[in-house]
PDB file of all heavy atoms in Angstrom:
ATOM      1  N   PHE A   1     105.473  97.493  86.041  1.00  0.00           N
ATOM      2  CA  PHE A   1     106.693  96.737  85.758  1.00  0.00           C
ATOM      3  C   PHE A   1     107.898  97.632  86.026  1.00  0.00           C
ATOM      4  O   PHE A   1     108.016  98.710  85.445  1.00  0.00           O
ATOM      5  CB  PHE A   1     106.730  96.280  84.297  1.00  0.00           C
ATOM      6  CG  PHE A   1     105.788  95.154  83.967  1.00  0.00           C
ATOM      7  CD1 PHE A   1     104.442  95.397  83.728  1.00  0.00           C
ATOM      8  CD2 PHE A   1     106.253  93.847  83.873  1.00  0.00           C
ATOM      9  CE1 PHE A   1     103.567  94.364  83.414  1.00  0.00           C
ATOM     10  CE2 PHE A   1     105.394  92.806  83.563  1.00  0.00           C
ATOM     11  CZ  PHE A   1     104.052  93.066  83.334  1.00  0.00           C
ATOM     12  N   PHE A   2     108.807  97.164  86.894  1.00  0.00           N
ATOM     13  CA  PHE A   2     110.012  97.934  87.195  1.00  0.00           C
ATOM     14  C   PHE A   2     111.163  97.584  86.256  1.00  0.00           C
ATOM     15  O   PHE A   2     112.176  98.290  86.237  1.00  0.00           O
ATOM     16  CB  PHE A   2     110.427  97.705  88.650  1.00  0.00           C
ATOM     17  CG  PHE A   2     109.382  98.183  89.632  1.00  0.00           C
ATOM     18  CD1 PHE A   2     108.637  97.279  90.368  1.00  0.00           C
ATOM     19  CD2 PHE A   2     109.133  99.534  89.789  1.00  0.00           C
ATOM     20  CE1 PHE A   2     107.677  97.706  91.258  1.00  0.00           C
ATOM     21  CE2 PHE A   2     108.168  99.980  90.679  1.00  0.00           C
ATOM     22  CZ  PHE A   2     107.432  99.062  91.421  1.00  0.00           C
ATOM     23  N   LYS A   3     111.014  96.494  85.513  1.00  0.00           N
ATOM     24  CA  LYS A   3     112.012  96.097  84.519  1.00  0.00           C
ATOM     25  C   LYS A   3     111.309  96.017  83.167  1.00  0.00           C
ATOM     26  O   LYS A   3     110.619  95.022  82.882  1.00  0.00           O
ATOM     27  CB  LYS A   3     112.632  94.757  84.895  1.00  0.00           C
ATOM     28  CG  LYS A   3     113.376  94.769  86.222  1.00  0.00           C
ATOM     29  CD  LYS A   3     113.889  93.371  86.569  1.00  0.00           C
ATOM     30  CE  LYS A   3     114.623  93.376  87.907  1.00  0.00           C
ATOM     31  NZ  LYS A   3     115.075  92.008  88.282  1.00  0.00           N
ATOM     32  N   PRO A   4     111.460  97.026  82.331  1.00  0.00           N
ATOM     33  CA  PRO A   4     110.746  97.050  81.045  1.00  0.00           C
ATOM     34  C   PRO A   4     110.953  95.805  80.199  1.00  0.00           C
ATOM     35  O   PRO A   4     110.062  95.401  79.450  1.00  0.00           O
ATOM     36  CB  PRO A   4     111.321  98.297  80.363  1.00  0.00           C
ATOM     37  CG  PRO A   4     111.726  99.187  81.491  1.00  0.00           C
ATOM     38  CD  PRO A   4     112.246  98.251  82.556  1.00  0.00           C
ATOM     39  N   ASP A   5     112.114  95.155  80.347  1.00  0.00           N
ATOM     40  CA  ASP A   5     112.369  93.973  79.520  1.00  0.00           C
ATOM     41  C   ASP A   5     111.522  92.776  79.944  1.00  0.00           C
ATOM     42  O   ASP A   5     111.483  91.756  79.254  1.00  0.00           O
ATOM     43  CB  ASP A   5     113.855  93.602  79.548  1.00  0.00           C
ATOM     44  CG  ASP A   5     114.358  93.283  80.950  1.00  0.00           C
ATOM     45  OD1 ASP A   5     113.706  93.680  81.927  1.00  0.00           O
ATOM     46  OD2 ASP A   5     115.416  92.631  81.067  1.00  0.00           O
ATOM     47  N   MET A   6     110.810  92.895  81.077  1.00  0.00           N
ATOM     48  CA  MET A   6     109.941  91.818  81.530  1.00  0.00           C
ATOM     49  C   MET A   6     108.537  91.932  80.941  1.00  0.00           C
ATOM     50  O   MET A   6     107.719  91.023  81.098  1.00  0.00           O
ATOM     51  CB  MET A   6     109.854  91.791  83.057  1.00  0.00           C
ATOM     52  CG  MET A   6     111.170  91.499  83.756  1.00  0.00           C
ATOM     53  SD  MET A   6     110.986  91.381  85.559  1.00  0.00           S
ATOM     54  CE  MET A   6     110.117  89.820  85.710  1.00  0.00           C
ATOM     55  N   VAL A   7     108.244  93.040  80.273  1.00  0.00           N
ATOM     56  CA  VAL A   7     106.893  93.257  79.739  1.00  0.00           C
ATOM     57  C   VAL A   7     106.577  92.231  78.650  1.00  0.00           C
ATOM     58  O   VAL A   7     105.511  91.609  78.649  1.00  0.00           O
ATOM     59  CB  VAL A   7     106.749  94.691  79.194  1.00  0.00           C
ATOM     60  CG1 VAL A   7     105.419  94.852  78.463  1.00  0.00           C
ATOM     61  CG2 VAL A   7     106.859  95.696  80.331  1.00  0.00           C
ATOM     62  N   GLY A   8     107.492  92.067  77.720  1.00  0.00           N
ATOM     63  CA  GLY A   8     107.334  91.054  76.682  1.00  0.00           C
ATOM     64  C   GLY A   8     105.995  91.110  75.971  1.00  0.00           C
ATOM     65  O   GLY A   8     105.585  92.142  75.427  1.00  0.00           O
ATOM     66  N   HIS A   9     105.275  89.990  76.005  1.00  0.00           N
ATOM     67  CA  HIS A   9     103.989  89.880  75.309  1.00  0.00           C
ATOM     68  C   HIS A   9     102.817  90.316  76.182  1.00  0.00           C
ATOM     69  O   HIS A   9     101.671  90.045  75.848  1.00  0.00           O
ATOM     70  CB  HIS A   9     103.778  88.438  74.843  1.00  0.00           C
ATOM     71  CG  HIS A   9     103.849  87.434  75.965  1.00  0.00           C
ATOM     72  ND1 HIS A   9     105.029  86.909  76.415  1.00  0.00           N
ATOM     73  CD2 HIS A   9     102.893  86.881  76.731  1.00  0.00           C
ATOM     74  CE1 HIS A   9     104.798  86.069  77.405  1.00  0.00           C
ATOM     75  NE2 HIS A   9     103.500  86.032  77.624  1.00  0.00           N
ATOM     76  N   PHE A  10     103.099  90.990  77.310  1.00  0.00           N
ATOM     77  CA  PHE A  10     102.025  91.358  78.243  1.00  0.00           C
ATOM     78  C   PHE A  10     100.909  92.182  77.603  1.00  0.00           C
ATOM     79  O   PHE A  10      99.740  91.993  77.949  1.00  0.00           O
ATOM     80  CB  PHE A  10     102.594  92.114  79.445  1.00  0.00           C
ATOM     81  CG  PHE A  10     101.569  92.366  80.514  1.00  0.00           C
ATOM     82  CD1 PHE A  10     101.227  91.377  81.423  1.00  0.00           C
ATOM     83  CD2 PHE A  10     100.920  93.591  80.599  1.00  0.00           C
ATOM     84  CE1 PHE A  10     100.259  91.598  82.398  1.00  0.00           C
ATOM     85  CE2 PHE A  10      99.962  93.825  81.560  1.00  0.00           C
ATOM     86  CZ  PHE A  10      99.626  92.817  82.470  1.00  0.00           C
ATOM     87  N   PRO A  11     101.198  93.130  76.681  1.00  0.00           N
ATOM     88  CA  PRO A  11     100.088  93.879  76.074  1.00  0.00           C
ATOM     89  C   PRO A  11      99.018  92.976  75.454  1.00  0.00           C
ATOM     90  O   PRO A  11      97.830  93.311  75.480  1.00  0.00           O
ATOM     91  CB  PRO A  11     100.786  94.733  75.015  1.00  0.00           C
ATOM     92  CG  PRO A  11     102.168  94.943  75.561  1.00  0.00           C
ATOM     93  CD  PRO A  11     102.508  93.643  76.224  1.00  0.00           C
ATOM     94  N   PHE A  12      99.428  91.832  74.925  1.00  0.00           N
ATOM     95  CA  PHE A  12      98.452  90.919  74.341  1.00  0.00           C
ATOM     96  C   PHE A  12      97.639  90.219  75.430  1.00  0.00           C
ATOM     97  O   PHE A  12      96.432  89.993  75.271  1.00  0.00           O
ATOM     98  CB  PHE A  12      99.165  89.893  73.451  1.00  0.00           C
ATOM     99  CG  PHE A  12      99.885  90.513  72.287  1.00  0.00           C
ATOM    100  CD1 PHE A  12     101.241  90.765  72.355  1.00  0.00           C
ATOM    101  CD2 PHE A  12      99.197  90.868  71.138  1.00  0.00           C
ATOM    102  CE1 PHE A  12     101.918  91.354  71.289  1.00  0.00           C
ATOM    103  CE2 PHE A  12      99.854  91.454  70.064  1.00  0.00           C
ATOM    104  CZ  PHE A  12     101.216  91.701  70.136  1.00  0.00           C
ATOM    105  N   LEU A  13      98.288  89.874  76.537  1.00  0.00           N
ATOM    106  CA  LEU A  13      97.565  89.285  77.670  1.00  0.00           C
ATOM    107  C   LEU A  13      96.573  90.294  78.247  1.00  0.00           C
ATOM    108  O   LEU A  13      95.449  89.945  78.624  1.00  0.00           O
ATOM    109  CB  LEU A  13      98.556  88.855  78.750  1.00  0.00           C
ATOM    110  CG  LEU A  13      99.575  87.784  78.368  1.00  0.00           C
ATOM    111  CD1 LEU A  13     100.573  87.576  79.506  1.00  0.00           C
ATOM    112  CD2 LEU A  13      98.884  86.477  78.024  1.00  0.00           C
ATOM    113  N   HIS A  14      97.003  91.545  78.300  1.00  0.00           N
ATOM    114  CA  HIS A  14      96.153  92.624  78.806  1.00  0.00           C
ATOM    115  C   HIS A  14      94.891  92.761  77.958  1.00  0.00           C
ATOM    116  O   HIS A  14      93.768  92.844  78.477  1.00  0.00           O
ATOM    117  CB  HIS A  14      96.964  93.921  78.803  1.00  0.00           C
ATOM    118  CG  HIS A  14      96.329  95.058  79.515  1.00  0.00           C
ATOM    119  ND1 HIS A  14      96.408  96.355  79.054  1.00  0.00           N
ATOM    120  CD2 HIS A  14      95.599  95.119  80.652  1.00  0.00           C
ATOM    121  CE1 HIS A  14      95.773  97.157  79.887  1.00  0.00           C
ATOM    122  NE2 HIS A  14      95.266  96.435  80.864  1.00  0.00           N
ATOM    123  N   LYS A  15      95.073  92.757  76.651  1.00  0.00           N
ATOM    124  CA  LYS A  15      93.939  92.864  75.741  1.00  0.00           C
ATOM    125  C   LYS A  15      93.032  91.646  75.841  1.00  0.00           C
ATOM    126  O   LYS A  15      91.802  91.767  75.924  1.00  0.00           O
ATOM    127  CB  LYS A  15      94.452  93.022  74.305  1.00  0.00           C
ATOM    128  CG  LYS A  15      93.361  92.961  73.233  1.00  0.00           C
ATOM    129  CD  LYS A  15      92.367  94.098  73.349  1.00  0.00           C
ATOM    130  CE  LYS A  15      91.330  94.030  72.237  1.00  0.00           C
ATOM    131  NZ  LYS A  15      90.343  95.127  72.325  1.00  0.00           N
ATOM    132  N   ARG A  16      93.621  90.459  75.848  1.00  0.00           N
ATOM    133  CA  ARG A  16      92.828  89.230  75.873  1.00  0.00           C
ATOM    134  C   ARG A  16      91.978  89.127  77.136  1.00  0.00           C
ATOM    135  O   ARG A  16      90.885  88.555  77.121  1.00  0.00           O
ATOM    136  CB  ARG A  16      93.750  88.012  75.773  1.00  0.00           C
ATOM    137  CG  ARG A  16      93.004  86.691  75.605  1.00  0.00           C
ATOM    138  CD  ARG A  16      93.938  85.518  75.582  1.00  0.00           C
ATOM    139  NE  ARG A  16      94.579  85.306  76.883  1.00  0.00           N
ATOM    140  CZ  ARG A  16      95.255  84.207  77.204  1.00  0.00           C
ATOM    141  NH1 ARG A  16      95.404  83.247  76.312  1.00  0.00           N
ATOM    142  NH2 ARG A  16      95.809  84.085  78.399  1.00  0.00           N
ATOM    143  N   SER A  17      92.446  89.709  78.220  1.00  0.00           N
ATOM    144  CA  SER A  17      91.735  89.610  79.496  1.00  0.00           C
ATOM    145  C   SER A  17      90.518  90.525  79.570  1.00  0.00           C
ATOM    146  O   SER A  17      89.730  90.441  80.520  1.00  0.00           O
ATOM    147  CB  SER A  17      92.685  89.966  80.640  1.00  0.00           C
ATOM    148  OG  SER A  17      92.981  91.356  80.624  1.00  0.00           O
ATOM    149  N   GLY A  18      90.384  91.436  78.601  1.00  0.00           N
ATOM    150  CA  GLY A  18      89.277  92.383  78.640  1.00  0.00           C
ATOM    151  C   GLY A  18      89.561  93.615  79.473  1.00  0.00           C
ATOM    152  O   GLY A  18      88.662  94.413  79.741  1.00  0.00           O
ATOM    153  N   GLN A  19      90.832  93.795  79.896  1.00  0.00           N
ATOM    154  CA  GLN A  19      91.182  94.936  80.737  1.00  0.00           C
ATOM    155  C   GLN A  19      91.774  96.110  79.962  1.00  0.00           C
ATOM    156  O   GLN A  19      92.068  97.148  80.547  1.00  0.00           O
ATOM    157  CB  GLN A  19      92.158  94.486  81.826  1.00  0.00           C
ATOM    158  CG  GLN A  19      91.576  93.488  82.804  1.00  0.00           C
ATOM    159  CD  GLN A  19      90.398  94.046  83.587  1.00  0.00           C
ATOM    160  OE1 GLN A  19      90.451  95.155  84.118  1.00  0.00           O
ATOM    161  NE2 GLN A  19      89.323  93.284  83.655  1.00  0.00           N
ATOM    162  N   LEU A  20      91.982  95.948  78.659  1.00  0.00           N
ATOM    163  CA  LEU A  20      92.409  97.083  77.832  1.00  0.00           C
ATOM    164  C   LEU A  20      91.157  97.869  77.446  1.00  0.00           C
ATOM    165  O   LEU A  20      90.533  97.624  76.419  1.00  0.00           O
ATOM    166  CB  LEU A  20      93.152  96.602  76.594  1.00  0.00           C
ATOM    167  CG  LEU A  20      93.677  97.710  75.657  1.00  0.00           C
ATOM    168  CD1 LEU A  20      94.649  98.635  76.385  1.00  0.00           C
ATOM    169  CD2 LEU A  20      94.326  97.099  74.425  1.00  0.00           C
ATOM    170  N   ILE A  21      90.800  98.810  78.293  1.00  0.00           N
ATOM    171  CA  ILE A  21      89.526  99.515  78.177  1.00  0.00           C
ATOM    172  C   ILE A  21      89.660 100.690  77.209  1.00  0.00           C
ATOM    173  O   ILE A  21      90.640 101.436  77.242  1.00  0.00           O
ATOM    174  CB  ILE A  21      89.078  99.998  79.565  1.00  0.00           C
ATOM    175  CG1 ILE A  21      88.873  98.782  80.483  1.00  0.00           C
ATOM    176  CG2 ILE A  21      87.802 100.816  79.481  1.00  0.00           C
ATOM    177  CD1 ILE A  21      88.659  99.157  81.916  1.00  0.00           C
ATOM    178  N   SER A  22      88.669 100.858  76.364  1.00  0.00           N
ATOM    179  CA  SER A  22      88.747 101.925  75.365  1.00  0.00           C
ATOM    180  C   SER A  22      88.801 103.301  76.021  1.00  0.00           C
ATOM    181  O   SER A  22      89.548 104.177  75.595  1.00  0.00           O
ATOM    182  CB  SER A  22      87.555 101.833  74.406  1.00  0.00           C
ATOM    183  OG  SER A  22      86.330 101.959  75.114  1.00  0.00           O
ATOM    184  N   LYS A  23      88.005 103.522  77.062  1.00  0.00           N
ATOM    185  CA  LYS A  23      87.998 104.807  77.768  1.00  0.00           C
ATOM    186  C   LYS A  23      88.975 104.755  78.950  1.00  0.00           C
ATOM    187  O   LYS A  23      88.605 105.038  80.090  1.00  0.00           O
ATOM    188  CB  LYS A  23      86.584 105.136  78.248  1.00  0.00           C
ATOM    189  CG  LYS A  23      85.533 105.192  77.142  1.00  0.00           C
ATOM    190  CD  LYS A  23      85.833 106.291  76.147  1.00  0.00           C
ATOM    191  CE  LYS A  23      84.673 106.506  75.182  1.00  0.00           C
ATOM    192  NZ  LYS A  23      84.367 105.331  74.351  1.00  0.00           N
ATOM    193  N   MET A  24      90.197 104.391  78.671  1.00  0.00           N
ATOM    194  CA  MET A  24      91.195 104.211  79.721  1.00  0.00           C
ATOM    195  C   MET A  24      91.427 105.478  80.534  1.00  0.00           C
ATOM    196  O   MET A  24      91.849 105.419  81.697  1.00  0.00           O
ATOM    197  CB  MET A  24      92.514 103.740  79.108  1.00  0.00           C
ATOM    198  CG  MET A  24      93.515 103.202  80.123  1.00  0.00           C
ATOM    199  SD  MET A  24      92.941 101.676  80.906  1.00  0.00           S
ATOM    200  CE  MET A  24      93.306 100.496  79.595  1.00  0.00           C
ATOM    201  N   ARG A  25      91.119 106.614  79.954  1.00  0.00           N
ATOM    202  CA  ARG A  25      91.366 107.874  80.673  1.00  0.00           C
ATOM    203  C   ARG A  25      90.565 107.965  81.963  1.00  0.00           C
ATOM    204  O   ARG A  25      90.973 108.676  82.890  1.00  0.00           O
ATOM    205  CB  ARG A  25      91.060 109.066  79.773  1.00  0.00           C
ATOM    206  CG  ARG A  25      89.600 109.259  79.379  1.00  0.00           C
ATOM    207  CD  ARG A  25      89.481 110.405  78.376  1.00  0.00           C
ATOM    208  NE  ARG A  25      88.115 110.779  78.040  1.00  0.00           N
ATOM    209  CZ  ARG A  25      87.400 110.220  77.091  1.00  0.00           C
ATOM    210  NH1 ARG A  25      87.927 109.227  76.372  1.00  0.00           N
ATOM    211  NH2 ARG A  25      86.166 110.625  76.832  1.00  0.00           N
ATOM    212  N   PHE A  26      89.444 107.251  82.049  1.00  0.00           N
ATOM    213  CA  PHE A  26      88.639 107.311  83.270  1.00  0.00           C
ATOM    214  C   PHE A  26      89.299 106.563  84.426  1.00  0.00           C
ATOM    215  O   PHE A  26      88.989 106.806  85.583  1.00  0.00           O
ATOM    216  CB  PHE A  26      87.232 106.767  83.012  1.00  0.00           C
ATOM    217  CG  PHE A  26      86.433 107.624  82.076  1.00  0.00           C
ATOM    218  CD1 PHE A  26      85.869 107.091  80.939  1.00  0.00           C
ATOM    219  CD2 PHE A  26      86.261 108.970  82.333  1.00  0.00           C
ATOM    220  CE1 PHE A  26      85.138 107.878  80.063  1.00  0.00           C
ATOM    221  CE2 PHE A  26      85.531 109.777  81.468  1.00  0.00           C
ATOM    222  CZ  PHE A  26      84.971 109.231  80.333  1.00  0.00           C
ATOM    223  N   ILE A  27      90.180 105.638  84.119  1.00  0.00           N
ATOM    224  CA  ILE A  27      90.961 104.973  85.162  1.00  0.00           C
ATOM    225  C   ILE A  27      92.236 105.764  85.438  1.00  0.00           C
ATOM    226  O   ILE A  27      92.598 106.017  86.584  1.00  0.00           O
ATOM    227  CB  ILE A  27      91.303 103.528  84.759  1.00  0.00           C
ATOM    228  CG1 ILE A  27      90.019 102.737  84.491  1.00  0.00           C
ATOM    229  CG2 ILE A  27      92.113 102.846  85.860  1.00  0.00           C
ATOM    230  CD1 ILE A  27      90.260 101.328  84.020  1.00  0.00           C
ATOM    231  N   SER A  28      92.910 106.180  84.369  1.00  0.00           N
ATOM    232  CA  SER A  28      94.158 106.936  84.513  1.00  0.00           C
ATOM    233  C   SER A  28      93.954 108.222  85.300  1.00  0.00           C
ATOM    234  O   SER A  28      94.775 108.581  86.152  1.00  0.00           O
ATOM    235  CB  SER A  28      94.735 107.273  83.132  1.00  0.00           C
ATOM    236  OG  SER A  28      94.971 106.119  82.379  1.00  0.00           O
ATOM    237  N   SER A  29      92.865 108.911  85.021  1.00  0.00           N
ATOM    238  CA  SER A  29      92.617 110.188  85.701  1.00  0.00           C
ATOM    239  C   SER A  29      92.427 109.982  87.198  1.00  0.00           C
ATOM    240  O   SER A  29      92.877 110.806  88.005  1.00  0.00           O
ATOM    241  CB  SER A  29      91.402 110.886  85.092  1.00  0.00           C
ATOM    242  OG  SER A  29      90.240 110.075  85.178  1.00  0.00           O
ATOM    243  N   GLN A  30      91.766 108.893  87.572  1.00  0.00           N
ATOM    244  CA  GLN A  30      91.602 108.597  88.997  1.00  0.00           C
ATOM    245  C   GLN A  30      92.949 108.383  89.673  1.00  0.00           C
ATOM    246  O   GLN A  30      93.248 108.985  90.712  1.00  0.00           O
ATOM    247  CB  GLN A  30      90.769 107.330  89.184  1.00  0.00           C
ATOM    248  CG  GLN A  30      89.312 107.422  88.826  1.00  0.00           C
ATOM    249  CD  GLN A  30      88.621 106.103  89.106  1.00  0.00           C
ATOM    250  OE1 GLN A  30      88.537 105.657  90.234  1.00  0.00           O
ATOM    251  NE2 GLN A  30      88.134 105.458  88.043  1.00  0.00           N
ATOM    252  N   LEU A  31      93.769 107.495  89.088  1.00  0.00           N
ATOM    253  CA  LEU A  31      95.046 107.163  89.705  1.00  0.00           C
ATOM    254  C   LEU A  31      96.004 108.352  89.703  1.00  0.00           C
ATOM    255  O   LEU A  31      96.785 108.528  90.645  1.00  0.00           O
ATOM    256  CB  LEU A  31      95.679 105.974  88.989  1.00  0.00           C
ATOM    257  CG  LEU A  31      95.057 104.611  89.306  1.00  0.00           C
ATOM    258  CD1 LEU A  31      95.614 103.536  88.395  1.00  0.00           C
ATOM    259  CD2 LEU A  31      95.285 104.243  90.772  1.00  0.00           C
ATOM    260  N   LYS A  32      95.937 109.162  88.651  1.00  0.00           N
ATOM    261  CA  LYS A  32      96.793 110.360  88.610  1.00  0.00           C
ATOM    262  C   LYS A  32      96.435 111.295  89.766  1.00  0.00           C
ATOM    263  O   LYS A  32      97.335 111.833  90.462  1.00  0.00           O
ATOM    264  CB  LYS A  32      96.613 111.069  87.271  1.00  0.00           C
ATOM    265  CG  LYS A  32      97.332 112.410  87.133  1.00  0.00           C
ATOM    266  CD  LYS A  32      98.834 112.275  87.228  1.00  0.00           C
ATOM    267  CE  LYS A  32      99.542 113.542  86.742  1.00  0.00           C
ATOM    268  NZ  LYS A  32      99.100 114.758  87.432  1.00  0.00           N
ATOM    269  N   ALA A  33      95.140 111.508  89.987  1.00  0.00           N
ATOM    270  CA  ALA A  33      94.711 112.352  91.107  1.00  0.00           C
ATOM    271  C   ALA A  33      95.066 111.707  92.448  1.00  0.00           C
ATOM    272  O   ALA A  33      95.442 112.380  93.407  1.00  0.00           O
ATOM    273  CB  ALA A  33      93.208 112.592  91.026  1.00  0.00           C
ATOM    274  N   TYR A  34      94.987 110.395  92.491  1.00  0.00           N
ATOM    275  CA  TYR A  34      95.217 109.626  93.713  1.00  0.00           C
ATOM    276  C   TYR A  34      96.655 109.759  94.205  1.00  0.00           C
ATOM    277  O   TYR A  34      96.899 109.931  95.409  1.00  0.00           O
ATOM    278  CB  TYR A  34      94.861 108.167  93.418  1.00  0.00           C
ATOM    279  CG  TYR A  34      95.168 107.168  94.496  1.00  0.00           C
ATOM    280  CD1 TYR A  34      94.469 107.171  95.709  1.00  0.00           C
ATOM    281  CD2 TYR A  34      96.122 106.168  94.296  1.00  0.00           C
ATOM    282  CE1 TYR A  34      94.732 106.226  96.684  1.00  0.00           C
ATOM    283  CE2 TYR A  34      96.383 105.218  95.260  1.00  0.00           C
ATOM    284  CZ  TYR A  34      95.690 105.246  96.455  1.00  0.00           C
ATOM    285  OH  TYR A  34      95.950 104.304  97.420  1.00  0.00           O
ATOM    286  N   ILE A  35      97.625 109.684  93.282  1.00  0.00           N
ATOM    287  CA  ILE A  35      99.029 109.721  93.707  1.00  0.00           C
ATOM    288  C   ILE A  35      99.616 111.131  93.677  1.00  0.00           C
ATOM    289  O   ILE A  35     100.782 111.320  94.016  1.00  0.00           O
ATOM    290  CB  ILE A  35      99.907 108.779  92.849  1.00  0.00           C
ATOM    291  CG1 ILE A  35      99.901 109.212  91.388  1.00  0.00           C
ATOM    292  CG2 ILE A  35      99.465 107.339  93.012  1.00  0.00           C
ATOM    293  CD1 ILE A  35     100.865 108.422  90.517  1.00  0.00           C
ATOM    294  N   SER A  36      98.820 112.096  93.268  1.00  0.00           N
ATOM    295  CA  SER A  36      99.287 113.486  93.236  1.00  0.00           C
ATOM    296  C   SER A  36      98.970 114.174  94.560  1.00  0.00           C
ATOM    297  O   SER A  36      98.024 113.819  95.263  1.00  0.00           O
ATOM    298  CB  SER A  36      98.624 114.244  92.085  1.00  0.00           C
ATOM    299  OG  SER A  36      98.980 113.688  90.834  1.00  0.00           O
ATOM    300  N   ASP A  37      99.767 115.157  94.903  1.00  0.00           N
ATOM    301  CA  ASP A  37      99.539 115.988  96.093  1.00  0.00           C
ATOM    302  C   ASP A  37      99.396 115.152  97.365  1.00  0.00           C
ATOM    303  O   ASP A  37      98.666 115.530  98.294  1.00  0.00           O
ATOM    304  CB  ASP A  37      98.297 116.866  95.900  1.00  0.00           C
ATOM    305  CG  ASP A  37      98.413 117.784  94.701  1.00  0.00           C
ATOM    306  OD1 ASP A  37      99.524 118.306  94.474  1.00  0.00           O
ATOM    307  OD2 ASP A  37      97.411 117.957  93.981  1.00  0.00           O
ATOM    308  N   ASN A  38     100.031 113.973  97.385  1.00  0.00           N
ATOM    309  CA  ASN A  38     100.052 113.123  98.583  1.00  0.00           C
ATOM    310  C   ASN A  38      98.669 112.644  99.012  1.00  0.00           C
ATOM    311  O   ASN A  38      98.463 112.285 100.175  1.00  0.00           O
ATOM    312  CB  ASN A  38     100.729 113.831  99.758  1.00  0.00           C
ATOM    313  CG  ASN A  38     102.124 113.303 100.003  1.00  0.00           C
ATOM    314  OD1 ASN A  38     102.644 112.492  99.233  1.00  0.00           O
ATOM    315  ND2 ASN A  38     102.743 113.751 101.077  1.00  0.00           N
ATOM    316  N   VAL A  39      97.708 112.618  98.099  1.00  0.00           N
ATOM    317  CA  VAL A  39      96.359 112.182  98.447  1.00  0.00           C
ATOM    318  C   VAL A  39      96.379 110.771  99.008  1.00  0.00           C
ATOM    319  O   VAL A  39      95.776 110.491 100.051  1.00  0.00           O
ATOM    320  CB  VAL A  39      95.422 112.267  97.224  1.00  0.00           C
ATOM    321  CG1 VAL A  39      94.107 111.559  97.498  1.00  0.00           C
ATOM    322  CG2 VAL A  39      95.153 113.723  96.872  1.00  0.00           C
ATOM    323  N   TRP A  40      97.073 109.858  98.316  1.00  0.00           N
ATOM    324  CA  TRP A  40      97.063 108.463  98.764  1.00  0.00           C
ATOM    325  C   TRP A  40      97.691 108.302 100.139  1.00  0.00           C
ATOM    326  O   TRP A  40      97.242 107.477 100.941  1.00  0.00           O
ATOM    327  CB  TRP A  40      97.741 107.563  97.734  1.00  0.00           C
ATOM    328  CG  TRP A  40      99.179 107.860  97.401  1.00  0.00           C
ATOM    329  CD1 TRP A  40      99.835 109.062  97.467  1.00  0.00           C
ATOM    330  CD2 TRP A  40     100.147 106.913  96.931  1.00  0.00           C
ATOM    331  NE1 TRP A  40     101.139 108.927  97.043  1.00  0.00           N
ATOM    332  CE2 TRP A  40     101.365 107.621  96.711  1.00  0.00           C
ATOM    333  CE3 TRP A  40     100.104 105.561  96.646  1.00  0.00           C
ATOM    334  CZ2 TRP A  40     102.522 106.999  96.243  1.00  0.00           C
ATOM    335  CZ3 TRP A  40     101.262 104.941  96.169  1.00  0.00           C
ATOM    336  CH2 TRP A  40     102.447 105.657  95.984  1.00  0.00           C
ATOM    337  N   ILE A  41      98.707 109.113 100.434  1.00  0.00           N
ATOM    338  CA  ILE A  41      99.372 109.038 101.735  1.00  0.00           C
ATOM    339  C   ILE A  41      98.469 109.609 102.829  1.00  0.00           C
ATOM    340  O   ILE A  41      98.362 109.043 103.923  1.00  0.00           O
ATOM    341  CB  ILE A  41     100.724 109.765 101.701  1.00  0.00           C
ATOM    342  CG1 ILE A  41     101.640 109.130 100.647  1.00  0.00           C
ATOM    343  CG2 ILE A  41     101.380 109.739 103.073  1.00  0.00           C
ATOM    344  CD1 ILE A  41     101.914 107.658 100.850  1.00  0.00           C
ATOM    345  N   ARG A  42      97.815 110.721 102.543  1.00  0.00           N
ATOM    346  CA  ARG A  42      96.902 111.291 103.534  1.00  0.00           C
ATOM    347  C   ARG A  42      95.769 110.322 103.846  1.00  0.00           C
ATOM    348  O   ARG A  42      95.389 110.143 105.014  1.00  0.00           O
ATOM    349  CB  ARG A  42      96.324 112.615 103.021  1.00  0.00           C
ATOM    350  CG  ARG A  42      97.314 113.757 102.935  1.00  0.00           C
ATOM    351  CD  ARG A  42      96.587 115.114 102.940  1.00  0.00           C
ATOM    352  NE  ARG A  42      95.556 115.191 101.926  1.00  0.00           N
ATOM    353  CZ  ARG A  42      95.763 115.584 100.676  1.00  0.00           C
ATOM    354  NH1 ARG A  42      96.988 115.901 100.276  1.00  0.00           N
ATOM    355  NH2 ARG A  42      94.763 115.653  99.820  1.00  0.00           N
ATOM    356  N   ASN A  43      95.212 109.721 102.810  1.00  0.00           N
ATOM    357  CA  ASN A  43      94.115 108.776 103.025  1.00  0.00           C
ATOM    358  C   ASN A  43      94.552 107.594 103.868  1.00  0.00           C
ATOM    359  O   ASN A  43      93.853 107.167 104.788  1.00  0.00           O
ATOM    360  CB  ASN A  43      93.585 108.276 101.681  1.00  0.00           C
ATOM    361  CG  ASN A  43      92.843 109.339 100.924  1.00  0.00           C
ATOM    362  OD1 ASN A  43      92.615 110.437 101.432  1.00  0.00           O
ATOM    363  ND2 ASN A  43      92.466 109.045  99.696  1.00  0.00           N
ATOM    364  N   ALA A  44      95.712 107.031 103.517  1.00  0.00           N
ATOM    365  CA  ALA A  44      96.211 105.867 104.241  1.00  0.00           C
ATOM    366  C   ALA A  44      96.596 106.226 105.678  1.00  0.00           C
ATOM    367  O   ALA A  44      96.392 105.432 106.606  1.00  0.00           O
ATOM    368  CB  ALA A  44      97.405 105.271 103.508  1.00  0.00           C
ATOM    369  N   THR A  45      97.144 107.410 105.869  1.00  0.00           N
ATOM    370  CA  THR A  45      97.499 107.863 107.217  1.00  0.00           C
ATOM    371  C   THR A  45      96.257 107.928 108.096  1.00  0.00           C
ATOM    372  O   THR A  45      96.271 107.474 109.257  1.00  0.00           O
ATOM    373  CB  THR A  45      98.179 109.241 107.160  1.00  0.00           C
ATOM    374  OG1 THR A  45      99.392 109.143 106.399  1.00  0.00           O
ATOM    375  CG2 THR A  45      98.507 109.746 108.561  1.00  0.00           C
TER     376      THR A  45
END
């Protein structure tokens, strides 16, 4: 979300959908590595 005021009740939708994962770090760690050191750009290039 680029406009924080648009988030609203989204955390509840996120939870209800089953996507609020308890071990969220396993997804976050992937994406953090992915966008660091230009990995995503090198891969796409």
